[in-house]
C-alpha cells in the first residue's frame, strides 16, 4: 500500500507523521472522504471546495487543489482496487503541545482503503447527545471526530450502522457520518444546514436531483415519517429499515427507491457533478 505524505508516495509501513503534529495532539485538522471506483474519483471538485471551506473555518492555509489532485491520482494509480475510500487529510502540522499552532506549515496525507458497496437498507439509532448548531466547528469537516466514535460505537452495540443526533433545540440534525432525509406525505425533507449538520456532498446532490426540501424537523419526525434514508459518500442513498425500535417494513419505500435510482443514474453519467 502506497500513501502520499507531504510531497510524495511512501510505503504505508514507513509513512510517519510527527508525534507533535497538531492533528494528533489537539485534533487540529480537516479531511474529506472521496469515493473512487476503479481508480476514478466521484465529485472531487466539490470535496476540494469543502476542504477549503473547512480550512478557512479553522484558520488553516487554503489547500493546494492541484497538489491534492496529483496526490490522489498517484495514490489511486499505485493502489488499484474496484472500490476505494480515498481519504484526504490536512492538519495544522508540527506544533507545540498546547492549542497554539507552530510555524512549520500543514501536513498533507492522502490514503486509500478498499471498501465494498453498502447494503440497500440499514438500521439506525438515536443518541442522547446533541450537535451544537452554534459551535465554532459547526459545518466543518474536521478531524475532531471523537464524539462520532462514541456514538457510532453505541450504534454498533444495538445492531445498527449509524447513530442520529438532534441539536440543542431538539431538532433532527445528522448522523455520525451521514445526512438524514425523511419522506412525509410523498415529499422528501432534510434538515437545513442551520440545524448544525455537515453540508454533505451527497446530501447536496440528492437535494438537487430529487427536489428534496430543507425543513426544520423535530426529532419525533423519526417516529412518523413514511420513509427514512441516509446519504453519504460511501452510502450514496441508503434506505433505513429500522430506527430505534421502530420498523419500517418494505424499505426501501417507493420514494426512497426512486431517489436511489436517480442518484445511481445521475452519478454514473457525471463523475464530477
C-alpha atoms as a PDB file:
ATOM      1  CA  UNK A   1       0.000   0.000   0.000  1.00  0.00           C
ATOM      2  CA  UNK A   2       1.316   3.425  -1.013  1.00  0.00           C
ATOM      3  CA  UNK A   3       0.371   6.632   0.825  1.00  0.00           C
ATOM      4  CA  UNK A   4       1.006  10.241  -0.140  1.00  0.00           C
ATOM      5  CA  UNK A   5       2.672  12.186   2.655  1.00  0.00           C
ATOM      6  CA  UNK A   6       3.941  15.750   2.278  1.00  0.00           C
ATOM      7  CA  UNK A   7       5.025  15.698  -1.330  1.00  0.00           C
ATOM      8  CA  UNK A   8       5.479  12.099  -2.348  1.00  0.00           C
ATOM      9  CA  UNK A   9       4.416   8.468  -2.200  1.00  0.00           C
ATOM     10  CA  UNK A  10       5.588   6.413   0.759  1.00  0.00           C
ATOM     11  CA  UNK A  11       5.154   2.794   1.765  1.00  0.00           C
ATOM     12  CA  UNK A  12       2.435   2.520   4.396  1.00  0.00           C
ATOM     13  CA  UNK A  13       4.922   0.940   6.802  1.00  0.00           C
ATOM     14  CA  UNK A  14       7.327   3.871   6.556  1.00  0.00           C
ATOM     15  CA  UNK A  15       4.874   6.777   6.279  1.00  0.00           C
ATOM     16  CA  UNK A  16       5.091   8.596   9.598  1.00  0.00           C
ATOM     17  CA  UNK A  17       3.684  11.839  10.989  1.00  0.00           C
ATOM     18  CA  UNK A  18       5.387  13.607  13.898  1.00  0.00           C
ATOM     19  CA  UNK A  19       4.091  12.870  17.390  1.00  0.00           C
ATOM     20  CA  UNK A  20       3.922  16.670  17.708  1.00  0.00           C
ATOM     21  CA  UNK A  21       1.599  17.073  14.719  1.00  0.00           C
ATOM     22  CA  UNK A  22      -1.317  19.293  15.735  1.00  0.00           C
ATOM     23  CA  UNK A  23      -3.748  16.885  14.104  1.00  0.00           C
ATOM     24  CA  UNK A  24      -2.680  14.267  16.645  1.00  0.00           C
ATOM     25  CA  UNK A  25      -2.200  16.393  19.748  1.00  0.00           C
ATOM     26  CA  UNK A  26      -5.311  18.595  19.559  1.00  0.00           C
ATOM     27  CA  UNK A  27      -7.352  17.399  16.561  1.00  0.00           C
ATOM     28  CA  UNK A  28      -6.408  20.482  14.543  1.00  0.00           C
ATOM     29  CA  UNK A  29      -7.140  19.201  11.070  1.00  0.00           C
ATOM     30  CA  UNK A  30      -9.639  18.755   8.277  1.00  0.00           C
ATOM     31  CA  UNK A  31     -10.411  15.891   5.943  1.00  0.00           C
ATOM     32  CA  UNK A  32     -12.501  14.617   3.059  1.00  0.00           C
ATOM     33  CA  UNK A  33     -13.519  11.101   2.099  1.00  0.00           C
ATOM     34  CA  UNK A  34     -13.929  10.586  -1.640  1.00  0.00           C
ATOM     35  CA  UNK A  35     -15.410   7.563  -3.372  1.00  0.00           C
ATOM     36  CA  UNK A  36     -13.119   6.029  -6.005  1.00  0.00           C
ATOM     37  CA  UNK A  37     -14.389   3.330  -8.358  1.00  0.00           C
ATOM     38  CA  UNK A  38     -11.757   1.587 -10.489  1.00  0.00           C
ATOM     39  CA  UNK A  39      -9.366   4.478  -9.918  1.00  0.00           C
ATOM     40  CA  UNK A  40     -11.834   7.237 -10.791  1.00  0.00           C
ATOM     41  CA  UNK A  41     -12.976   9.702  -8.151  1.00  0.00           C
ATOM     42  CA  UNK A  42     -16.523  10.967  -7.723  1.00  0.00           C
ATOM     43  CA  UNK A  43     -17.350  14.641  -7.061  1.00  0.00           C
ATOM     44  CA  UNK A  44     -13.724  15.502  -6.314  1.00  0.00           C
ATOM     45  CA  UNK A  45     -14.185  19.197  -7.126  1.00  0.00           C
ATOM     46  CA  UNK A  46     -16.991  19.527  -4.581  1.00  0.00           C
ATOM     47  CA  UNK A  47     -14.901  17.723  -1.979  1.00  0.00           C
ATOM     48  CA  UNK A  48     -11.929  20.018  -2.568  1.00  0.00           C
ATOM     49  CA  UNK A  49     -14.148  23.086  -2.347  1.00  0.00           C
ATOM     50  CA  UNK A  50     -15.498  21.892   1.001  1.00  0.00           C
ATOM     51  CA  UNK A  51     -11.966  21.112   2.177  1.00  0.00           C
ATOM     52  CA  UNK A  52     -11.097  24.746   1.516  1.00  0.00           C
ATOM     53  CA  UNK A  53     -14.171  25.965   3.400  1.00  0.00           C
ATOM     54  CA  UNK A  54     -13.207  23.784   6.360  1.00  0.00           C
ATOM     55  CA  UNK A  55      -9.626  25.078   6.242  1.00  0.00           C
ATOM     56  CA  UNK A  56     -10.806  28.677   6.311  1.00  0.00           C
ATOM     57  CA  UNK A  57     -13.169  27.890   9.166  1.00  0.00           C
ATOM     58  CA  UNK A  58     -10.252  26.567  11.223  1.00  0.00           C
ATOM     59  CA  UNK A  59      -7.845  29.257  10.085  1.00  0.00           C
ATOM     60  CA  UNK A  60      -5.598  26.828   8.216  1.00  0.00           C
ATOM     61  CA  UNK A  61      -3.940  27.746   4.893  1.00  0.00           C
ATOM     62  CA  UNK A  62      -6.015  27.079   1.788  1.00  0.00           C
ATOM     63  CA  UNK A  63      -5.210  23.579   0.500  1.00  0.00           C
ATOM     64  CA  UNK A  64      -3.427  23.424  -2.857  1.00  0.00           C
ATOM     65  CA  UNK A  65      -6.015  21.776  -5.092  1.00  0.00           C
ATOM     66  CA  UNK A  66      -3.519  20.970  -7.844  1.00  0.00           C
ATOM     67  CA  UNK A  67      -1.209  19.238  -5.384  1.00  0.00           C
ATOM     68  CA  UNK A  68      -4.078  17.262  -3.873  1.00  0.00           C
ATOM     69  CA  UNK A  69      -5.369  16.193  -7.292  1.00  0.00           C
ATOM     70  CA  UNK A  70      -1.877  14.993  -8.185  1.00  0.00           C
ATOM     71  CA  UNK A  71      -1.617  13.167  -4.857  1.00  0.00           C
ATOM     72  CA  UNK A  72      -4.996  11.490  -5.380  1.00  0.00           C
ATOM     73  CA  UNK A  73      -4.037  10.384  -8.884  1.00  0.00           C
ATOM     74  CA  UNK A  74      -0.718   8.975  -7.672  1.00  0.00           C
ATOM     75  CA  UNK A  75      -2.299   7.065  -4.778  1.00  0.00           C
ATOM     76  CA  UNK A  76      -5.049   5.636  -6.987  1.00  0.00           C
ATOM     77  CA  UNK A  77      -2.553   4.562  -9.648  1.00  0.00           C
ATOM     78  CA  UNK A  78      -0.336   2.895  -7.045  1.00  0.00           C
ATOM     79  CA  UNK A  79      -3.187   1.031  -5.352  1.00  0.00           C
ATOM     80  CA  UNK A  80      -5.640  -0.357  -7.941  1.00  0.00           C
ATOM     81  CA  UNK A  81      -8.921  -1.639  -6.498  1.00  0.00           C
ATOM     82  CA  UNK A  82     -12.579  -1.880  -7.588  1.00  0.00           C
ATOM     83  CA  UNK A  83     -13.996   0.421  -4.908  1.00  0.00           C
ATOM     84  CA  UNK A  84     -11.962   2.555  -2.545  1.00  0.00           C
ATOM     85  CA  UNK A  85     -12.284   5.094   0.240  1.00  0.00           C
ATOM     86  CA  UNK A  86      -9.872   7.902  -0.648  1.00  0.00           C
ATOM     87  CA  UNK A  87      -9.044   9.934   2.450  1.00  0.00           C
ATOM     88  CA  UNK A  88      -7.534  13.430   2.169  1.00  0.00           C
ATOM     89  CA  UNK A  89      -6.270  14.820   5.485  1.00  0.00           C
ATOM     90  CA  UNK A  90      -4.718  18.247   6.143  1.00  0.00           C
ATOM     91  CA  UNK A  91      -3.542  19.156   9.647  1.00  0.00           C
ATOM     92  CA  UNK A  92      -2.018  22.150  11.351  1.00  0.00           C
ATOM     93  CA  UNK A  93       1.353  20.395  11.141  1.00  0.00           C
ATOM     94  CA  UNK A  94       4.162  20.161  13.685  1.00  0.00           C
ATOM     95  CA  UNK A  95       3.332  22.334  16.678  1.00  0.00           C
ATOM     96  CA  UNK A  96       3.542  22.811  20.432  1.00  0.00           C
ATOM     97  CA  UNK A  97       1.706  20.564  22.876  1.00  0.00           C
ATOM     98  CA  UNK A  98      -0.932  23.218  23.534  1.00  0.00           C
ATOM     99  CA  UNK A  99      -3.594  24.793  21.358  1.00  0.00           C
ATOM    100  CA  UNK A 100      -1.265  27.372  19.800  1.00  0.00           C
ATOM    101  CA  UNK A 101      -0.085  26.470  16.306  1.00  0.00           C
ATOM    102  CA  UNK A 102       3.525  26.100  15.257  1.00  0.00           C
ATOM    103  CA  UNK A 103       5.188  27.664  12.234  1.00  0.00           C
ATOM    104  CA  UNK A 104       6.168  24.528  10.308  1.00  0.00           C
ATOM    105  CA  UNK A 105       3.210  24.551   7.912  1.00  0.00           C
ATOM    106  CA  UNK A 106       0.464  21.992   7.356  1.00  0.00           C
ATOM    107  CA  UNK A 107       0.710  18.230   6.905  1.00  0.00           C
ATOM    108  CA  UNK A 108      -0.984  16.580   3.892  1.00  0.00           C
ATOM    109  CA  UNK A 109      -1.832  12.885   3.807  1.00  0.00           C
ATOM    110  CA  UNK A 110      -3.740  11.062   1.053  1.00  0.00           C
ATOM    111  CA  UNK A 111      -4.510   7.397   1.702  1.00  0.00           C
ATOM    112  CA  UNK A 112      -6.745   4.760   0.153  1.00  0.00           C
ATOM    113  CA  UNK A 113      -8.605   1.854   1.685  1.00  0.00           C
ATOM    114  CA  UNK A 114     -10.616  -0.819  -0.068  1.00  0.00           C
ATOM    115  CA  UNK A 115     -14.326  -0.967   0.640  1.00  0.00           C
ATOM    116  CA  UNK A 116     -17.465  -2.650  -0.688  1.00  0.00           C
ATOM    117  CA  UNK A 117     -20.873  -1.436  -1.809  1.00  0.00           C
ATOM    118  CA  UNK A 118     -23.209  -0.805   1.084  1.00  0.00           C
ATOM    119  CA  UNK A 119     -26.444  -2.819   1.605  1.00  0.00           C
ATOM    120  CA  UNK A 120     -29.614  -1.216   0.256  1.00  0.00           C
ATOM    121  CA  UNK A 121     -31.093  -0.920   3.772  1.00  0.00           C
ATOM    122  CA  UNK A 122     -29.760  -0.379   7.270  1.00  0.00           C
ATOM    123  CA  UNK A 123     -30.749   0.167  10.890  1.00  0.00           C
ATOM    124  CA  UNK A 124     -30.079   3.363  12.868  1.00  0.00           C
ATOM    125  CA  UNK A 125     -30.488   4.532  16.440  1.00  0.00           C
ATOM    126  CA  UNK A 126     -30.889   7.930  18.046  1.00  0.00           C
ATOM    127  CA  UNK A 127     -28.456   9.020  20.749  1.00  0.00           C
ATOM    128  CA  UNK A 128     -28.950  11.309  23.772  1.00  0.00           C
ATOM    129  CA  UNK A 129     -26.082  13.639  22.857  1.00  0.00           C
ATOM    130  CA  UNK A 130     -26.641  16.778  20.803  1.00  0.00           C
ATOM    131  CA  UNK A 131     -24.966  18.653  17.988  1.00  0.00           C
ATOM    132  CA  UNK A 132     -24.207  22.282  18.785  1.00  0.00           C
ATOM    133  CA  UNK A 133     -25.602  24.243  15.866  1.00  0.00           C
ATOM    134  CA  UNK A 134     -23.746  27.354  17.071  1.00  0.00           C
ATOM    135  CA  UNK A 135     -20.321  25.824  17.725  1.00  0.00           C
ATOM    136  CA  UNK A 136     -17.029  27.013  16.265  1.00  0.00           C
ATOM    137  CA  UNK A 137     -16.695  23.800  14.216  1.00  0.00           C
ATOM    138  CA  UNK A 138     -20.304  23.599  13.040  1.00  0.00           C
ATOM    139  CA  UNK A 139     -20.497  22.790   9.353  1.00  0.00           C
ATOM    140  CA  UNK A 140     -16.772  21.980   9.098  1.00  0.00           C
ATOM    141  CA  UNK A 141     -15.380  18.519   8.388  1.00  0.00           C
ATOM    142  CA  UNK A 142     -12.624  18.340  10.979  1.00  0.00           C
ATOM    143  CA  UNK A 143     -10.532  15.552  12.472  1.00  0.00           C
ATOM    144  CA  UNK A 144     -12.125  16.236  15.882  1.00  0.00           C
ATOM    145  CA  UNK A 145     -14.270  13.123  15.496  1.00  0.00           C
ATOM    146  CA  UNK A 146     -14.294  11.521  18.948  1.00  0.00           C
ATOM    147  CA  UNK A 147     -17.962  12.385  19.510  1.00  0.00           C
ATOM    148  CA  UNK A 148     -18.811  10.419  16.386  1.00  0.00           C
ATOM    149  CA  UNK A 149     -16.652   7.487  17.500  1.00  0.00           C
ATOM    150  CA  UNK A 150     -18.589   7.243  20.773  1.00  0.00           C
ATOM    151  CA  UNK A 151     -21.998   7.494  19.090  1.00  0.00           C
ATOM    152  CA  UNK A 152     -21.145   5.001  16.354  1.00  0.00           C
ATOM    153  CA  UNK A 153     -19.881   2.504  18.926  1.00  0.00           C
ATOM    154  CA  UNK A 154     -23.277   2.714  20.650  1.00  0.00           C
ATOM    155  CA  UNK A 155     -24.997   2.129  17.323  1.00  0.00           C
ATOM    156  CA  UNK A 156     -22.905  -0.988  16.714  1.00  0.00           C
ATOM    157  CA  UNK A 157     -23.840  -2.286  20.164  1.00  0.00           C
ATOM    158  CA  UNK A 158     -27.507  -2.028  19.127  1.00  0.00           C
ATOM    159  CA  UNK A 159     -27.089  -3.748  15.773  1.00  0.00           C
ATOM    160  CA  UNK A 160     -27.174  -0.519  13.778  1.00  0.00           C
ATOM    161  CA  UNK A 161     -24.773   1.081  11.331  1.00  0.00           C
ATOM    162  CA  UNK A 162     -25.440   4.708  12.197  1.00  0.00           C
ATOM    163  CA  UNK A 163     -26.428   6.989  15.075  1.00  0.00           C
ATOM    164  CA  UNK A 164     -28.574  10.087  14.597  1.00  0.00           C
ATOM    165  CA  UNK A 165     -28.162  13.316  16.568  1.00  0.00           C
ATOM    166  CA  UNK A 166     -30.578  16.068  17.416  1.00  0.00           C
ATOM    167  CA  UNK A 167     -29.350  19.610  18.028  1.00  0.00           C
ATOM    168  CA  UNK A 168     -29.591  21.788  21.132  1.00  0.00           C
ATOM    169  CA  UNK A 169     -33.163  22.904  20.316  1.00  0.00           C
ATOM    170  CA  UNK A 170     -34.500  19.382  19.795  1.00  0.00           C
ATOM    171  CA  UNK A 171     -34.429  19.307  16.006  1.00  0.00           C
ATOM    172  CA  UNK A 172     -33.201  16.425  13.865  1.00  0.00           C
ATOM    173  CA  UNK A 173     -29.656  17.137  12.710  1.00  0.00           C
ATOM    174  CA  UNK A 174     -27.479  14.374  11.189  1.00  0.00           C
ATOM    175  CA  UNK A 175     -25.685  11.069  11.660  1.00  0.00           C
ATOM    176  CA  UNK A 176     -22.092  10.484  12.714  1.00  0.00           C
ATOM    177  CA  UNK A 177     -21.030  10.398   9.075  1.00  0.00           C
ATOM    178  CA  UNK A 178     -24.226  10.863   7.108  1.00  0.00           C
ATOM    179  CA  UNK A 179     -27.115  13.200   6.435  1.00  0.00           C
ATOM    180  CA  UNK A 180     -30.691  12.112   7.034  1.00  0.00           C
ATOM    181  CA  UNK A 181     -33.803  12.511   4.878  1.00  0.00           C
ATOM    182  CA  UNK A 182     -37.435  11.738   5.708  1.00  0.00           C
ATOM    183  CA  UNK A 183     -40.476  11.253   3.482  1.00  0.00           C
ATOM    184  CA  UNK A 184     -43.718  12.853   4.657  1.00  0.00           C
ATOM    185  CA  UNK A 185     -46.857  12.508   2.504  1.00  0.00           C
ATOM    186  CA  UNK A 186     -44.729  11.726  -0.527  1.00  0.00           C
ATOM    187  CA  UNK A 187     -42.382  14.715  -0.120  1.00  0.00           C
ATOM    188  CA  UNK A 188     -38.685  14.437   0.784  1.00  0.00           C
ATOM    189  CA  UNK A 189     -37.336  16.633   3.581  1.00  0.00           C
ATOM    190  CA  UNK A 190     -33.885  17.030   5.123  1.00  0.00           C
ATOM    191  CA  UNK A 191     -32.637  19.270   7.959  1.00  0.00           C
ATOM    192  CA  UNK A 192     -31.180  22.599   6.765  1.00  0.00           C
ATOM    193  CA  UNK A 193     -27.514  23.427   7.296  1.00  0.00           C
ATOM    194  CA  UNK A 194     -28.670  25.852  10.023  1.00  0.00           C
ATOM    195  CA  UNK A 195     -29.582  22.768  12.111  1.00  0.00           C
ATOM    196  CA  UNK A 196     -25.854  22.217  12.628  1.00  0.00           C
ATOM    197  CA  UNK A 197     -25.432  19.364  10.155  1.00  0.00           C
ATOM    198  CA  UNK A 198     -22.443  18.980   7.891  1.00  0.00           C
ATOM    199  CA  UNK A 199     -23.261  20.191   4.361  1.00  0.00           C
ATOM    200  CA  UNK A 200     -22.706  16.767   2.829  1.00  0.00           C
ATOM    201  CA  UNK A 201     -21.637  16.408  -0.790  1.00  0.00           C
ATOM    202  CA  UNK A 202     -24.077  13.551  -1.404  1.00  0.00           C
ATOM    203  CA  UNK A 203     -26.724  15.481   0.541  1.00  0.00           C
ATOM    204  CA  UNK A 204     -26.383  18.460  -1.801  1.00  0.00           C
ATOM    205  CA  UNK A 205     -26.615  16.267  -4.888  1.00  0.00           C
ATOM    206  CA  UNK A 206     -29.620  14.395  -3.501  1.00  0.00           C
ATOM    207  CA  UNK A 207     -31.381  17.707  -2.839  1.00  0.00           C
ATOM    208  CA  UNK A 208     -30.617  18.895  -6.376  1.00  0.00           C
ATOM    209  CA  UNK A 209     -31.579  15.653  -8.076  1.00  0.00           C
ATOM    210  CA  UNK A 210     -34.714  14.744  -6.080  1.00  0.00           C
ATOM    211  CA  UNK A 211     -36.202  18.148  -5.266  1.00  0.00           C
ATOM    212  CA  UNK A 212     -35.954  17.489  -1.521  1.00  0.00           C
ATOM    213  CA  UNK A 213     -36.913  20.399   0.743  1.00  0.00           C
ATOM    214  CA  UNK A 214     -34.736  21.716   3.560  1.00  0.00           C
ATOM    215  CA  UNK A 215     -37.035  21.785   6.584  1.00  0.00           C
ATOM    216  CA  UNK A 216     -36.657  22.250  10.327  1.00  0.00           C
ATOM    217  CA  UNK A 217     -37.734  18.849  11.668  1.00  0.00           C
ATOM    218  CA  UNK A 218     -38.425  17.825  15.268  1.00  0.00           C
ATOM    219  CA  UNK A 219     -36.742  14.638  16.449  1.00  0.00           C
ATOM    220  CA  UNK A 220     -40.086  12.862  16.691  1.00  0.00           C
ATOM    221  CA  UNK A 221     -40.411  13.022  12.908  1.00  0.00           C
ATOM    222  CA  UNK A 222     -38.487   9.740  13.001  1.00  0.00           C
ATOM    223  CA  UNK A 223     -41.474   8.100  14.713  1.00  0.00           C
ATOM    224  CA  UNK A 224     -43.933   9.104  11.992  1.00  0.00           C
ATOM    225  CA  UNK A 225     -42.042   9.500   8.721  1.00  0.00           C
ATOM    226  CA  UNK A 226     -43.299   7.231   5.947  1.00  0.00           C
ATOM    227  CA  UNK A 227     -39.728   6.563   4.803  1.00  0.00           C
ATOM    228  CA  UNK A 228     -36.245   7.489   6.025  1.00  0.00           C
ATOM    229  CA  UNK A 229     -32.960   7.367   4.175  1.00  0.00           C
ATOM    230  CA  UNK A 230     -29.327   8.348   4.690  1.00  0.00           C
ATOM    231  CA  UNK A 231     -26.832   9.900   2.312  1.00  0.00           C
ATOM    232  CA  UNK A 232     -23.045   9.937   2.431  1.00  0.00           C
ATOM    233  CA  UNK A 233     -20.058   9.458   0.168  1.00  0.00           C
ATOM    234  CA  UNK A 234     -19.942   5.694   0.599  1.00  0.00           C
ATOM    235  CA  UNK A 235     -23.624   5.086   1.286  1.00  0.00           C
ATOM    236  CA  UNK A 236     -24.874   7.144  -1.687  1.00  0.00           C
ATOM    237  CA  UNK A 237     -28.609   6.876  -0.879  1.00  0.00           C
ATOM    238  CA  UNK A 238     -29.396   4.131   1.633  1.00  0.00           C
ATOM    239  CA  UNK A 239     -32.846   3.246   2.997  1.00  0.00           C
ATOM    240  CA  UNK A 240     -33.470   2.914   6.729  1.00  0.00           C
ATOM    241  CA  UNK A 241     -35.400  -0.210   7.687  1.00  0.00           C
ATOM    242  CA  UNK A 242     -35.330   0.372  11.455  1.00  0.00           C
ATOM    243  CA  UNK A 243     -34.874   3.406  13.683  1.00  0.00           C
ATOM    244  CA  UNK A 244     -34.532   2.537  17.382  1.00  0.00           C
ATOM    245  CA  UNK A 245     -37.415   0.074  17.990  1.00  0.00           C
ATOM    246  CA  UNK A 246     -39.494   1.247  15.045  1.00  0.00           C
ATOM    247  CA  UNK A 247     -39.525  -0.999  11.984  1.00  0.00           C
ATOM    248  CA  UNK A 248     -40.164   0.456   8.548  1.00  0.00           C
ATOM    249  CA  UNK A 249     -41.486  -2.553   6.626  1.00  0.00           C
ATOM    250  CA  UNK A 250     -40.918  -2.663   2.909  1.00  0.00           C
ATOM    251  CA  UNK A 251     -37.835  -0.442   2.977  1.00  0.00           C
ATOM    252  CA  UNK A 252     -36.773   0.953   0.634  1.00  0.00           C
ATOM    253  CA  UNK A 253     -40.171   2.536   0.086  1.00  0.00           C
ATOM    254  CA  UNK A 254     -41.202   3.877  -3.318  1.00  0.00           C
ATOM    255  CA  UNK A 255     -39.902   7.422  -2.825  1.00  0.00           C
ATOM    256  CA  UNK A 256     -36.561   6.227  -1.464  1.00  0.00           C
ATOM    257  CA  UNK A 257     -36.236   3.614  -4.205  1.00  0.00           C
ATOM    258  CA  UNK A 258     -36.729   6.337  -6.814  1.00  0.00           C
ATOM    259  CA  UNK A 259     -34.147   8.557  -5.091  1.00  0.00           C
ATOM    260  CA  UNK A 260     -31.680   5.652  -5.093  1.00  0.00           C
ATOM    261  CA  UNK A 261     -32.288   5.032  -8.791  1.00  0.00           C
ATOM    262  CA  UNK A 262     -31.968   8.707  -9.712  1.00  0.00           C
ATOM    263  CA  UNK A 263     -28.735   9.052  -7.754  1.00  0.00           C
ATOM    264  CA  UNK A 264     -27.228   5.964  -9.380  1.00  0.00           C
ATOM    265  CA  UNK A 265     -28.151   7.210 -12.853  1.00  0.00           C
ATOM    266  CA  UNK A 266     -27.028  10.806 -12.380  1.00  0.00           C
ATOM    267  CA  UNK A 267     -23.771   9.942 -10.637  1.00  0.00           C
ATOM    268  CA  UNK A 268     -22.998   7.384 -13.316  1.00  0.00           C
ATOM    269  CA  UNK A 269     -23.471   9.988 -16.047  1.00  0.00           C
ATOM    270  CA  UNK A 270     -21.188  12.608 -14.446  1.00  0.00           C
ATOM    271  CA  UNK A 271     -18.246  11.727 -12.191  1.00  0.00           C
ATOM    272  CA  UNK A 272     -17.621  15.358 -11.173  1.00  0.00           C
ATOM    273  CA  UNK A 273     -21.058  16.982 -10.915  1.00  0.00           C
END
